[in-house]
């Protein structure tokens, strides 16, 4: 492969990553909207934000459907961060509505 071909292939890969990243952002925001709804329901029922059993179910779901190349541990670390941010979103939303989020 010539340097020009390599450069073109690299540009193509980066363009594809940009498109994928935009899809990921769209999906994360879609997930966040569902999390907001869950927070509203939890607030109505005066439930806590943090649900360890549900988080374990999420981890089990993502690792069971992982086709690689990411290792299960890597996916869990990524989702730990996603869940943490979603939990913050719920807490902030509940606090804004006057509920003591735990």
C-alpha atoms as a PDB file:
ATOM      1  CA  UNK A   1       0.000   0.000   0.000  1.00  0.00           C
ATOM      2  CA  UNK A   2       1.398   3.395  -0.936  1.00  0.00           C
ATOM      3  CA  UNK A   3       1.550   6.244   1.579  1.00  0.00           C
ATOM      4  CA  UNK A   4      -1.260   7.963  -0.344  1.00  0.00           C
ATOM      5  CA  UNK A   5      -3.428   4.848  -0.217  1.00  0.00           C
ATOM      6  CA  UNK A   6      -2.688   4.433   3.471  1.00  0.00           C
ATOM      7  CA  UNK A   7      -3.591   8.068   4.115  1.00  0.00           C
ATOM      8  CA  UNK A   8      -6.841   7.706   2.158  1.00  0.00           C
ATOM      9  CA  UNK A   9      -7.731   4.513   4.044  1.00  0.00           C
ATOM     10  CA  UNK A  10      -6.997   6.237   7.359  1.00  0.00           C
ATOM     11  CA  UNK A  11      -9.201   9.186   6.388  1.00  0.00           C
ATOM     12  CA  UNK A  12     -11.987   6.775   5.434  1.00  0.00           C
ATOM     13  CA  UNK A  13     -11.732   4.981   8.789  1.00  0.00           C
ATOM     14  CA  UNK A  14     -11.814   8.285  10.662  1.00  0.00           C
ATOM     15  CA  UNK A  15     -14.862   9.414   8.688  1.00  0.00           C
ATOM     16  CA  UNK A  16     -16.593   6.159   9.604  1.00  0.00           C
ATOM     17  CA  UNK A  17     -15.709   6.675  13.278  1.00  0.00           C
ATOM     18  CA  UNK A  18     -17.179  10.192  13.140  1.00  0.00           C
ATOM     19  CA  UNK A  19     -20.469   8.776  11.814  1.00  0.00           C
ATOM     20  CA  UNK A  20     -20.485   6.036  14.451  1.00  0.00           C
ATOM     21  CA  UNK A  21     -19.753   8.574  17.209  1.00  0.00           C
ATOM     22  CA  UNK A  22     -22.752  10.655  16.127  1.00  0.00           C
ATOM     23  CA  UNK A  23     -24.930   7.530  16.314  1.00  0.00           C
ATOM     24  CA  UNK A  24     -23.570   6.734  19.783  1.00  0.00           C
ATOM     25  CA  UNK A  25     -24.399  10.279  20.951  1.00  0.00           C
ATOM     26  CA  UNK A  26     -27.916   9.924  19.555  1.00  0.00           C
ATOM     27  CA  UNK A  27     -28.378   6.590  21.358  1.00  0.00           C
ATOM     28  CA  UNK A  28     -26.933   7.906  24.629  1.00  0.00           C
ATOM     29  CA  UNK A  29     -29.383  10.810  24.533  1.00  0.00           C
ATOM     30  CA  UNK A  30     -32.223   8.405  23.761  1.00  0.00           C
ATOM     31  CA  UNK A  31     -31.151   6.325  26.766  1.00  0.00           C
ATOM     32  CA  UNK A  32     -30.996   9.498  28.880  1.00  0.00           C
ATOM     33  CA  UNK A  33     -34.579  10.396  27.960  1.00  0.00           C
ATOM     34  CA  UNK A  34     -35.724   6.954  29.136  1.00  0.00           C
ATOM     35  CA  UNK A  35     -33.687   7.409  32.323  1.00  0.00           C
ATOM     36  CA  UNK A  36     -35.463  10.720  32.911  1.00  0.00           C
ATOM     37  CA  UNK A  37     -38.802   8.916  32.646  1.00  0.00           C
ATOM     38  CA  UNK A  38     -37.583   6.259  35.069  1.00  0.00           C
ATOM     39  CA  UNK A  39     -36.525   9.023  37.459  1.00  0.00           C
ATOM     40  CA  UNK A  40     -39.979  10.574  37.249  1.00  0.00           C
ATOM     41  CA  UNK A  41     -41.545   7.204  38.075  1.00  0.00           C
ATOM     42  CA  UNK A  42     -39.116   6.628  40.940  1.00  0.00           C
ATOM     43  CA  UNK A  43     -39.892  10.075  42.301  1.00  0.00           C
ATOM     44  CA  UNK A  44     -43.608   9.312  42.224  1.00  0.00           C
ATOM     45  CA  UNK A  45     -42.979   6.100  44.134  1.00  0.00           C
ATOM     46  CA  UNK A  46     -40.361   7.740  46.395  1.00  0.00           C
ATOM     47  CA  UNK A  47     -37.770   5.202  45.293  1.00  0.00           C
ATOM     48  CA  UNK A  48     -34.017   5.577  45.445  1.00  0.00           C
ATOM     49  CA  UNK A  49     -32.015   6.345  42.326  1.00  0.00           C
ATOM     50  CA  UNK A  50     -29.348   3.717  42.984  1.00  0.00           C
ATOM     51  CA  UNK A  51     -30.474   0.146  42.305  1.00  0.00           C
ATOM     52  CA  UNK A  52     -27.515  -2.250  42.460  1.00  0.00           C
ATOM     53  CA  UNK A  53     -29.529  -5.266  41.290  1.00  0.00           C
ATOM     54  CA  UNK A  54     -30.698  -3.398  38.184  1.00  0.00           C
ATOM     55  CA  UNK A  55     -27.151  -2.344  37.401  1.00  0.00           C
ATOM     56  CA  UNK A  56     -25.995  -5.957  37.638  1.00  0.00           C
ATOM     57  CA  UNK A  57     -28.817  -6.908  35.250  1.00  0.00           C
ATOM     58  CA  UNK A  58     -27.594  -4.259  32.792  1.00  0.00           C
ATOM     59  CA  UNK A  59     -24.044  -5.625  33.013  1.00  0.00           C
ATOM     60  CA  UNK A  60     -25.322  -9.172  32.479  1.00  0.00           C
ATOM     61  CA  UNK A  61     -27.334  -8.030  29.459  1.00  0.00           C
ATOM     62  CA  UNK A  62     -24.489  -6.213  27.736  1.00  0.00           C
ATOM     63  CA  UNK A  63     -21.935  -8.938  28.325  1.00  0.00           C
ATOM     64  CA  UNK A  64     -24.346 -11.660  27.163  1.00  0.00           C
ATOM     65  CA  UNK A  65     -24.838  -9.803  23.879  1.00  0.00           C
ATOM     66  CA  UNK A  66     -21.201  -8.901  23.326  1.00  0.00           C
ATOM     67  CA  UNK A  67     -19.797 -10.218  20.082  1.00  0.00           C
ATOM     68  CA  UNK A  68     -16.373  -8.656  20.597  1.00  0.00           C
ATOM     69  CA  UNK A  69     -13.757  -7.506  20.024  1.00  0.00           C
ATOM     70  CA  UNK A  70     -14.289  -5.655  23.316  1.00  0.00           C
ATOM     71  CA  UNK A  71     -13.750  -7.875  26.332  1.00  0.00           C
ATOM     72  CA  UNK A  72     -16.621  -8.125  28.854  1.00  0.00           C
ATOM     73  CA  UNK A  73     -14.522  -6.272  31.446  1.00  0.00           C
ATOM     74  CA  UNK A  74     -14.021  -3.380  29.028  1.00  0.00           C
ATOM     75  CA  UNK A  75     -17.745  -3.137  28.320  1.00  0.00           C
ATOM     76  CA  UNK A  76     -18.492  -3.209  32.025  1.00  0.00           C
ATOM     77  CA  UNK A  77     -16.080  -0.314  32.630  1.00  0.00           C
ATOM     78  CA  UNK A  78     -17.681   1.690  29.811  1.00  0.00           C
ATOM     79  CA  UNK A  79     -21.180   1.003  31.134  1.00  0.00           C
ATOM     80  CA  UNK A  80     -20.174   1.813  34.709  1.00  0.00           C
ATOM     81  CA  UNK A  81     -19.423   5.317  33.451  1.00  0.00           C
ATOM     82  CA  UNK A  82     -22.622   5.510  31.381  1.00  0.00           C
ATOM     83  CA  UNK A  83     -24.720   4.362  34.349  1.00  0.00           C
ATOM     84  CA  UNK A  84     -22.961   6.791  36.674  1.00  0.00           C
ATOM     85  CA  UNK A  85     -23.795   9.699  34.360  1.00  0.00           C
ATOM     86  CA  UNK A  86     -27.394   8.511  34.004  1.00  0.00           C
ATOM     87  CA  UNK A  87     -27.686   8.264  37.784  1.00  0.00           C
ATOM     88  CA  UNK A  88     -26.416  11.846  38.058  1.00  0.00           C
ATOM     89  CA  UNK A  89     -29.006  12.919  35.498  1.00  0.00           C
ATOM     90  CA  UNK A  90     -31.767  11.288  37.569  1.00  0.00           C
ATOM     91  CA  UNK A  91     -30.546  12.830  40.815  1.00  0.00           C
ATOM     92  CA  UNK A  92     -30.262  16.302  39.303  1.00  0.00           C
ATOM     93  CA  UNK A  93     -33.708  16.050  37.751  1.00  0.00           C
ATOM     94  CA  UNK A  94     -35.266  14.811  40.986  1.00  0.00           C
ATOM     95  CA  UNK A  95     -33.536  17.549  42.999  1.00  0.00           C
ATOM     96  CA  UNK A  96     -34.831  20.169  40.571  1.00  0.00           C
ATOM     97  CA  UNK A  97     -38.336  18.866  41.215  1.00  0.00           C
ATOM     98  CA  UNK A  98     -37.852  19.070  44.974  1.00  0.00           C
ATOM     99  CA  UNK A  99     -37.242  15.408  45.837  1.00  0.00           C
ATOM    100  CA  UNK A 100     -34.349  14.253  47.958  1.00  0.00           C
ATOM    101  CA  UNK A 101     -32.608  11.814  45.651  1.00  0.00           C
ATOM    102  CA  UNK A 102     -30.536   9.093  47.260  1.00  0.00           C
END
